[in-house]
Each structure stands twice: as C-alpha cells, then as structure tokens.
Amino acid sequence: MTKAYCVKCRAMRDMVDEQDVVMKNGKKAKKGKCPVCGTTMFKIGG
C-alpha cells in the first residue's frame, strides 16, 4: 500500500485499487482511490 495525500479529506491515507501509470513526460506514478471518500489519489514517482 502506498500513502498519498487525499485533497478532499486533507489527510495522508493508504491508496486502494492502486495502478502503476506513466505520465506524458515519461515519469512513473501511482493512481488509486481514497478508502474513506473514494476520491482519486495520485502520487508522482512511485
């Protein structure tokens, strides 16, 4: 599990349904959802 900042909850949370993604500039990132509110979370470099 990767910790990321949830903008809606304003807290660090563990992402659920994580996916590895590659951004347009070629950098790696992780995309997932907040377990509390369901908002999409994004962490660059992971």
N, C-alpha and C. Protein backbone atom coordinates (compact mmCIF):
# COMPACT_ATOMS: atom_id res chain seq x y z
N MET A 1 0.83 -1.18 0.00
CA MET A 1 0.00 0.00 0.00
C MET A 1 0.88 1.26 0.00
N THR A 2 0.48 2.20 -0.80
CA THR A 2 1.21 3.45 -0.90
C THR A 2 0.42 4.55 -0.21
N LYS A 3 1.11 5.36 0.57
CA LYS A 3 0.46 6.50 1.21
C LYS A 3 0.48 7.68 0.24
N ALA A 4 -0.65 8.38 0.17
CA ALA A 4 -0.75 9.57 -0.66
C ALA A 4 -1.67 10.55 0.03
N TYR A 5 -1.63 11.81 -0.39
CA TYR A 5 -2.45 12.85 0.23
C TYR A 5 -3.81 12.91 -0.45
N CYS A 6 -4.87 12.84 0.35
CA CYS A 6 -6.23 12.99 -0.18
C CYS A 6 -6.61 14.46 -0.05
N VAL A 7 -6.90 15.10 -1.16
CA VAL A 7 -7.21 16.52 -1.18
C VAL A 7 -8.56 16.79 -0.51
N LYS A 8 -9.50 15.88 -0.67
CA LYS A 8 -10.83 16.07 -0.11
C LYS A 8 -10.83 15.89 1.41
N CYS A 9 -10.15 14.84 1.90
CA CYS A 9 -10.08 14.57 3.34
C CYS A 9 -9.02 15.43 4.04
N ARG A 10 -8.10 15.94 3.27
CA ARG A 10 -6.95 16.71 3.78
C ARG A 10 -6.13 15.88 4.77
N ALA A 11 -5.81 14.64 4.36
CA ALA A 11 -5.04 13.75 5.22
C ALA A 11 -4.27 12.74 4.36
N MET A 12 -3.19 12.19 4.93
CA MET A 12 -2.44 11.13 4.28
C MET A 12 -3.19 9.81 4.51
N ARG A 13 -3.41 9.07 3.43
CA ARG A 13 -4.13 7.80 3.52
C ARG A 13 -3.47 6.76 2.62
N ASP A 14 -3.74 5.48 2.91
CA ASP A 14 -3.29 4.39 2.05
C ASP A 14 -4.23 4.30 0.85
N MET A 15 -3.66 4.26 -0.35
CA MET A 15 -4.47 4.14 -1.56
C MET A 15 -5.02 2.73 -1.71
N VAL A 16 -6.21 2.60 -2.24
CA VAL A 16 -6.77 1.30 -2.61
C VAL A 16 -6.93 1.28 -4.13
N ASP A 17 -6.97 0.10 -4.71
CA ASP A 17 -7.05 -0.08 -6.17
C ASP A 17 -5.91 0.65 -6.89
N GLU A 18 -4.70 0.46 -6.38
CA GLU A 18 -3.51 1.14 -6.96
C GLU A 18 -3.21 0.64 -8.37
N GLN A 19 -2.74 1.55 -9.21
CA GLN A 19 -2.28 1.21 -10.56
C GLN A 19 -1.00 1.96 -10.83
N ASP A 20 -0.05 1.30 -11.49
CA ASP A 20 1.15 1.99 -11.95
C ASP A 20 0.83 2.66 -13.27
N VAL A 21 1.14 3.94 -13.38
CA VAL A 21 0.88 4.69 -14.61
C VAL A 21 2.15 5.43 -15.02
N VAL A 22 2.22 5.80 -16.30
CA VAL A 22 3.33 6.60 -16.81
C VAL A 22 2.73 7.91 -17.33
N MET A 23 3.26 9.01 -16.84
CA MET A 23 2.75 10.32 -17.25
C MET A 23 3.26 10.68 -18.65
N LYS A 24 2.72 11.76 -19.21
CA LYS A 24 3.11 12.20 -20.55
C LYS A 24 4.60 12.47 -20.67
N ASN A 25 5.21 12.96 -19.60
CA ASN A 25 6.64 13.28 -19.64
C ASN A 25 7.52 12.07 -19.38
N GLY A 26 6.92 10.89 -19.19
CA GLY A 26 7.69 9.65 -19.03
C GLY A 26 7.96 9.26 -17.59
N LYS A 27 7.57 10.08 -16.62
CA LYS A 27 7.80 9.75 -15.22
C LYS A 27 6.76 8.75 -14.73
N LYS A 28 7.18 7.91 -13.78
CA LYS A 28 6.28 6.91 -13.21
C LYS A 28 5.45 7.56 -12.10
N ALA A 29 4.24 7.02 -11.91
CA ALA A 29 3.36 7.50 -10.86
C ALA A 29 2.43 6.38 -10.44
N LYS A 30 1.72 6.59 -9.34
CA LYS A 30 0.71 5.64 -8.87
C LYS A 30 -0.61 6.37 -8.76
N LYS A 31 -1.67 5.68 -9.17
CA LYS A 31 -3.01 6.24 -9.15
C LYS A 31 -3.91 5.28 -8.39
N GLY A 32 -4.75 5.82 -7.51
CA GLY A 32 -5.64 4.97 -6.73
C GLY A 32 -6.81 5.76 -6.19
N LYS A 33 -7.49 5.17 -5.23
CA LYS A 33 -8.65 5.82 -4.63
C LYS A 33 -8.49 5.91 -3.13
N CYS A 34 -9.11 6.93 -2.54
CA CYS A 34 -9.13 7.10 -1.09
C CYS A 34 -10.11 6.09 -0.50
N PRO A 35 -9.71 5.34 0.54
CA PRO A 35 -10.61 4.35 1.12
C PRO A 35 -11.78 4.97 1.89
N VAL A 36 -11.68 6.23 2.28
CA VAL A 36 -12.71 6.88 3.08
C VAL A 36 -13.76 7.56 2.20
N CYS A 37 -13.30 8.43 1.26
CA CYS A 37 -14.26 9.22 0.47
C CYS A 37 -14.36 8.79 -0.99
N GLY A 38 -13.42 7.98 -1.48
CA GLY A 38 -13.49 7.48 -2.85
C GLY A 38 -12.89 8.40 -3.90
N THR A 39 -12.29 9.51 -3.49
CA THR A 39 -11.68 10.44 -4.41
C THR A 39 -10.43 9.83 -5.03
N THR A 40 -10.14 10.16 -6.29
CA THR A 40 -8.94 9.69 -6.97
C THR A 40 -7.71 10.35 -6.34
N MET A 41 -6.71 9.52 -6.04
CA MET A 41 -5.46 10.00 -5.45
C MET A 41 -4.34 9.72 -6.44
N PHE A 42 -3.29 10.54 -6.40
CA PHE A 42 -2.20 10.45 -7.36
C PHE A 42 -0.89 10.71 -6.63
N LYS A 43 0.10 9.85 -6.84
CA LYS A 43 1.41 10.05 -6.24
C LYS A 43 2.47 9.93 -7.32
N ILE A 44 3.25 10.97 -7.52
CA ILE A 44 4.28 11.00 -8.54
C ILE A 44 5.55 10.33 -8.01
N GLY A 45 6.21 9.54 -8.87
CA GLY A 45 7.49 8.95 -8.53
C GLY A 45 7.38 7.64 -7.79
N GLY A 46 6.30 6.94 -8.00
CA GLY A 46 6.19 5.78 -7.17
C GLY A 46 5.91 4.48 -7.82
